[in-house]
Amino acid sequence: MKPLSFTMIFLLLLLIFADCSKESSKTGVLKFKTSNPLVSGQKATNQSAIYGMGADNPPLTGQTTACRTVSLRLTVGDVWISKGEVKVGQPDNLEWVRVTKSTNTQAKLFEDISFDEVELPEGTYKSIKITFKNIFYRYCTLVSNPLVTYEFLETMGSYSATCDPNDQSWAKTNYFGPEGNHYLGADGKFAMAAQGEKVAPVVVESGKVAVVTWRMGAGATVPCTTYIIDANNNRQWDCGTDSMDFECPPEVKYMWDFIFAYQ
């Protein structure tokens, strides 16, 4: 009886492993998109109309100019997703699956950024990795006259850093997970950048379209007021010389978040 028992167990294990292998080969569709609730489903302005506008802004209104930040024009290079979890103090030994088919090098308004749908292995994905070019533009409308618009050149490091509009360098990669936004420190381990910029678990299933919505302002619908301080009194925004101050409503807590749903 023993040989027969071992044979039956062996056959049973083969069936189990075969079934698991079959299950792991299933795939689902992931749709990654951006959302800017501040423009209420409308474009902040025509993309072609503002391209390069930062070099030809209207004059600032005085030593302090109050405007409302309603969008950003930035370059998102690539997006990856992982079943692993980004954790403070751990190295980047996660297995990443690329969402973008090729590296983007064109700056766009956040709400105009789009991605192709991709097919991914089934499973729960917990982390997202995104690359940005170093420079970007803050798109603002004047508080006293919303028809007057500005684009203020900044860098990913700080608005106080000197900016070069021809800069083609890439900023530090952003690693988003359930605990927030991270970066890789000098020691090669994850460090926290912003705890509130979290990723909801993304469950990819066969026969379904999983949608990840990357939201500007983490879903806030009321813009922050941005005060432009004209330090050299030339009535122009000079990145690295002038400064900014911000007044945000209570609902504005984080710069980004990522929510998940099925289409």
Protein backbone atom coordinates (compact mmCIF):
# COMPACT_ATOMS: atom_id res chain seq x y z
CA MET A 1 0.00 0.00 0.00
CA LYS A 2 2.83 2.40 0.74
CA PRO A 3 4.15 2.64 -2.84
CA LEU A 4 0.62 3.29 -4.04
CA SER A 5 0.13 6.01 -1.42
CA PHE A 6 3.35 7.75 -2.38
CA THR A 7 2.38 7.56 -6.06
CA MET A 8 -1.01 9.10 -5.35
CA ILE A 9 0.56 11.88 -3.28
CA PHE A 10 3.09 12.59 -6.02
CA LEU A 11 0.36 12.79 -8.67
CA LEU A 12 -1.71 15.04 -6.42
CA LEU A 13 1.23 17.42 -5.93
CA LEU A 14 1.79 17.54 -9.67
CA LEU A 15 -1.84 18.53 -10.20
CA ILE A 16 -1.61 21.24 -7.53
CA PHE A 17 1.59 22.74 -8.99
CA ALA A 18 0.17 22.57 -12.49
CA ASP A 19 -2.94 24.41 -11.33
CA CYS A 20 -0.87 27.07 -9.55
CA SER A 21 1.30 27.55 -12.64
CA LYS A 22 -1.81 27.96 -14.76
CA GLU A 23 -3.22 30.49 -12.30
CA SER A 24 -0.02 32.58 -12.22
CA SER A 25 -0.02 32.90 -16.01
CA LYS A 26 -3.31 34.82 -16.03
CA THR A 27 -3.22 38.53 -16.85
CA GLY A 28 -5.43 41.57 -16.50
CA VAL A 29 -5.46 45.10 -17.92
CA LEU A 30 -4.13 48.15 -16.11
CA LYS A 31 -5.20 51.67 -17.06
CA PHE A 32 -3.08 54.44 -15.54
CA LYS A 33 -4.39 58.00 -15.79
CA THR A 34 -4.09 61.48 -14.26
CA SER A 35 -6.78 63.67 -12.71
CA ASN A 36 -6.73 67.34 -11.76
CA PRO A 37 -9.93 68.15 -9.81
CA LEU A 38 -8.90 71.82 -9.66
CA VAL A 39 -9.94 72.38 -13.25
CA SER A 40 -13.28 70.54 -12.82
CA GLY A 41 -12.99 68.46 -15.96
CA GLN A 42 -11.80 71.38 -18.06
CA LYS A 43 -8.30 72.03 -19.31
CA ALA A 44 -6.57 74.77 -17.35
CA THR A 45 -5.79 76.36 -20.71
CA ASN A 46 -4.85 75.33 -24.22
CA GLN A 47 -1.58 73.36 -24.10
CA SER A 48 -0.12 74.96 -27.22
CA ALA A 49 -1.04 78.44 -26.02
CA ILE A 50 1.09 78.23 -22.89
CA TYR A 51 4.04 76.21 -24.16
CA GLY A 52 7.08 78.35 -23.38
CA MET A 53 4.91 81.09 -21.89
CA GLY A 54 7.09 81.21 -18.78
CA ALA A 55 9.58 83.30 -20.76
CA ASP A 56 6.87 85.84 -21.60
CA ASN A 57 4.72 86.21 -18.48
CA PRO A 58 2.63 89.31 -17.82
CA PRO A 59 4.30 91.67 -15.30
CA LEU A 60 3.82 90.85 -11.65
CA THR A 61 1.38 93.18 -9.88
CA GLY A 62 3.77 94.43 -7.19
CA GLN A 63 6.21 93.27 -4.58
CA THR A 64 3.71 90.51 -3.72
CA THR A 65 1.49 88.95 -6.40
CA ALA A 66 -1.38 86.68 -5.33
CA CYS A 67 -2.38 83.93 -7.74
CA ARG A 68 -4.08 80.52 -7.58
CA THR A 69 -2.14 77.40 -8.56
CA VAL A 70 -4.46 75.35 -10.77
CA SER A 71 -2.07 73.06 -12.63
CA LEU A 72 1.54 72.08 -13.29
CA ARG A 73 3.31 71.60 -16.59
CA LEU A 74 5.88 68.88 -16.08
CA THR A 75 7.65 66.02 -17.80
CA VAL A 76 6.78 62.53 -16.57
CA GLY A 77 9.33 60.15 -18.06
CA ASP A 78 8.35 56.62 -17.02
CA VAL A 79 6.02 54.79 -14.65
CA TRP A 80 6.58 51.37 -13.07
CA ILE A 81 4.46 49.29 -10.70
CA SER A 82 5.44 46.54 -8.26
CA LYS A 83 3.83 43.87 -6.09
CA GLY A 84 6.51 44.60 -3.52
CA GLU A 85 6.24 47.34 -0.91
CA VAL A 86 8.50 50.37 -0.64
CA LYS A 87 9.65 50.62 2.98
CA VAL A 88 11.88 53.10 4.82
CA GLY A 89 15.34 51.71 5.45
CA GLN A 90 15.09 48.98 2.81
CA PRO A 91 17.00 48.85 -0.52
CA ASP A 92 15.24 48.86 -3.87
CA ASN A 93 15.18 45.11 -4.42
CA LEU A 94 11.59 45.16 -5.69
CA GLU A 95 10.59 43.64 -9.00
CA TRP A 96 9.23 46.47 -11.15
CA VAL A 97 6.93 46.14 -14.17
CA ARG A 98 7.08 49.03 -16.61
CA VAL A 99 3.76 50.72 -17.41
CA THR A 100 5.06 53.18 -20.01
CA LYS A 101 6.11 51.77 -23.37
CA SER A 102 8.77 54.42 -23.98
CA THR A 103 10.32 57.28 -22.03
CA ASN A 104 8.40 60.54 -22.46
CA THR A 105 10.44 63.74 -22.85
CA GLN A 106 7.64 66.23 -23.53
CA ALA A 107 6.31 68.56 -20.84
CA LYS A 108 2.52 68.58 -20.49
CA LEU A 109 -0.12 69.99 -18.20
CA PHE A 110 -0.78 67.39 -15.53
CA GLU A 111 -4.36 66.76 -16.66
CA ASP A 112 -3.16 66.24 -20.26
CA ILE A 113 -0.75 63.43 -19.41
CA SER A 114 -1.99 60.09 -20.73
CA PHE A 115 -0.80 56.48 -20.79
CA ASP A 116 -1.60 53.42 -22.90
CA GLU A 117 -3.38 50.49 -21.27
CA VAL A 118 -1.03 47.63 -20.43
CA GLU A 119 -1.48 43.92 -19.74
CA LEU A 120 0.00 42.74 -16.42
CA PRO A 121 0.15 39.47 -14.48
CA GLU A 122 -2.67 39.05 -11.98
CA GLY A 123 -1.98 40.06 -8.42
CA THR A 124 -1.96 42.89 -5.89
CA TYR A 125 0.44 45.73 -6.69
CA LYS A 126 1.53 47.92 -3.79
CA SER A 127 4.10 50.39 -5.09
CA ILE A 128 4.57 52.84 -7.97
CA LYS A 129 7.80 54.37 -9.28
CA ILE A 130 7.81 57.57 -11.38
CA THR A 131 10.55 59.65 -13.00
CA PHE A 132 10.32 63.41 -13.60
CA LYS A 133 12.52 65.92 -15.36
CA ASN A 134 14.09 68.39 -12.97
CA ILE A 135 12.32 71.53 -14.18
CA PHE A 136 8.58 72.20 -14.33
CA TYR A 137 6.18 75.14 -14.54
CA ARG A 138 3.54 76.17 -12.01
CA TYR A 139 0.43 77.36 -13.81
CA CYS A 140 -1.36 80.18 -11.91
CA THR A 141 -4.27 82.56 -12.42
CA LEU A 142 -4.23 86.02 -10.88
CA VAL A 143 -6.58 86.29 -7.85
CA SER A 144 -7.73 89.80 -8.79
CA ASN A 145 -8.27 88.83 -12.45
CA PRO A 146 -8.46 85.06 -13.30
CA LEU A 147 -8.10 85.86 -17.00
CA VAL A 148 -4.47 86.79 -16.34
CA THR A 149 -2.28 83.70 -16.27
CA TYR A 150 1.33 82.94 -15.36
CA GLU A 151 3.77 80.06 -15.68
CA PHE A 152 6.48 80.07 -13.03
CA LEU A 153 9.59 78.00 -13.72
CA GLU A 154 10.77 75.84 -10.81
CA THR A 155 12.91 72.80 -10.09
CA MET A 156 11.85 69.58 -8.39
CA GLY A 157 14.34 70.24 -5.61
CA SER A 158 13.04 73.65 -4.54
CA TYR A 159 11.45 76.79 -5.95
CA SER A 160 14.43 78.66 -4.44
CA ALA A 161 16.97 76.78 -6.57
CA THR A 162 18.39 78.47 -9.66
CA CYS A 163 16.55 77.30 -12.80
CA ASP A 164 17.68 76.83 -16.36
CA PRO A 165 14.79 76.51 -18.85
CA ASN A 166 17.07 74.38 -21.04
CA ASP A 167 17.80 71.91 -18.25
CA GLN A 168 17.20 68.36 -19.50
CA SER A 169 18.29 66.53 -16.33
CA TRP A 170 16.11 64.14 -14.34
CA ALA A 171 15.14 64.60 -10.70
CA LYS A 172 15.46 61.88 -8.09
CA THR A 173 13.04 59.02 -8.77
CA ASN A 174 9.84 59.08 -6.69
CA TYR A 175 8.83 55.78 -5.04
CA PHE A 176 5.21 55.72 -3.85
CA GLY A 177 3.87 53.01 -1.54
CA PRO A 178 1.22 52.40 1.14
CA GLU A 179 3.17 54.56 3.61
CA GLY A 180 3.86 57.52 1.31
CA ASN A 181 6.37 58.94 -1.17
CA HIS A 182 10.01 57.86 -0.86
CA TYR A 183 13.40 58.48 -2.46
CA LEU A 184 16.63 56.53 -2.41
CA GLY A 185 19.13 58.06 0.00
CA ALA A 186 22.91 58.19 -0.37
CA ASP A 187 23.07 54.80 1.39
CA GLY A 188 20.93 53.22 -1.33
CA LYS A 189 17.98 52.74 1.03
CA PHE A 190 14.50 54.24 0.95
CA ALA A 191 13.87 57.42 2.92
CA MET A 192 10.51 59.16 3.44
CA ALA A 193 9.72 62.24 1.36
CA ALA A 194 5.98 62.75 2.07
CA GLN A 195 3.88 60.40 4.21
CA GLY A 196 0.54 61.47 2.80
CA GLU A 197 1.30 60.70 -0.85
CA LYS A 198 0.11 57.10 -0.68
CA VAL A 199 -0.81 54.30 -3.07
CA ALA A 200 -3.98 52.26 -2.56
CA PRO A 201 -3.41 48.53 -3.32
CA VAL A 202 -4.04 47.83 -7.01
CA VAL A 203 -5.63 44.43 -7.70
CA VAL A 204 -5.16 43.25 -11.29
CA GLU A 205 -7.59 40.46 -12.25
CA SER A 206 -8.23 38.58 -15.45
CA GLY A 207 -11.21 39.91 -17.39
CA LYS A 208 -11.19 43.28 -15.60
CA VAL A 209 -9.68 46.70 -16.27
CA ALA A 210 -7.93 47.97 -13.14
CA VAL A 211 -7.76 51.78 -13.11
CA VAL A 212 -5.15 53.73 -11.16
CA THR A 213 -5.97 57.44 -10.95
CA TRP A 214 -3.06 59.68 -10.04
CA ARG A 215 -4.66 62.77 -8.53
CA MET A 216 -3.14 66.22 -8.25
CA GLY A 217 -3.75 67.68 -4.79
CA ALA A 218 -4.89 64.24 -3.58
CA GLY A 219 -8.38 65.05 -4.85
CA ALA A 220 -8.66 68.61 -3.51
CA THR A 221 -11.07 70.83 -5.46
CA VAL A 222 -10.03 74.20 -3.99
CA PRO A 223 -6.68 75.66 -5.11
CA CYS A 224 -3.96 77.06 -2.90
CA THR A 225 -3.16 80.75 -3.09
CA THR A 226 0.46 81.26 -4.15
CA TYR A 227 2.14 84.51 -3.18
CA ILE A 228 4.99 85.50 -5.48
CA ILE A 229 7.52 87.65 -3.60
CA ASP A 230 9.42 89.86 -6.05
CA ALA A 231 12.72 90.16 -4.18
CA ASN A 232 14.54 92.24 -6.80
CA ASN A 233 11.52 94.43 -7.69
CA ASN A 234 11.76 93.88 -11.44
CA ARG A 235 8.14 92.67 -11.74
CA GLN A 236 9.29 89.33 -13.16
CA TRP A 237 9.57 85.87 -11.65
CA ASP A 238 13.27 85.03 -11.25
CA CYS A 239 13.72 81.43 -10.14
CA GLY A 240 16.43 81.27 -7.47
CA THR A 241 16.07 84.95 -6.57
CA ASP A 242 12.38 85.53 -5.89
CA SER A 243 10.40 83.36 -3.48
CA MET A 244 6.93 81.88 -2.94
CA ASP A 245 4.62 81.61 0.02
CA PHE A 246 1.49 79.44 0.12
CA GLU A 247 -1.93 79.65 1.76
CA CYS A 248 -3.95 76.45 1.32
CA PRO A 249 -7.49 75.51 2.40
CA PRO A 250 -7.80 72.65 4.94
CA GLU A 251 -8.71 70.09 2.28
CA VAL A 252 -5.34 70.57 0.56
CA LYS A 253 -2.99 68.30 2.49
CA TYR A 254 -0.83 66.47 -0.05
CA MET A 255 0.55 67.04 -3.51
CA TRP A 256 -0.51 63.67 -4.96
CA ASP A 257 -2.23 60.41 -4.21
CA PHE A 258 -3.22 57.26 -6.13
CA ILE A 259 -6.66 55.67 -5.95
CA PHE A 260 -7.82 52.35 -7.39
CA ALA A 261 -11.09 51.17 -8.96
CA TYR A 262 -12.29 48.87 -11.70
CA GLN A 263 -13.55 50.37 -14.94
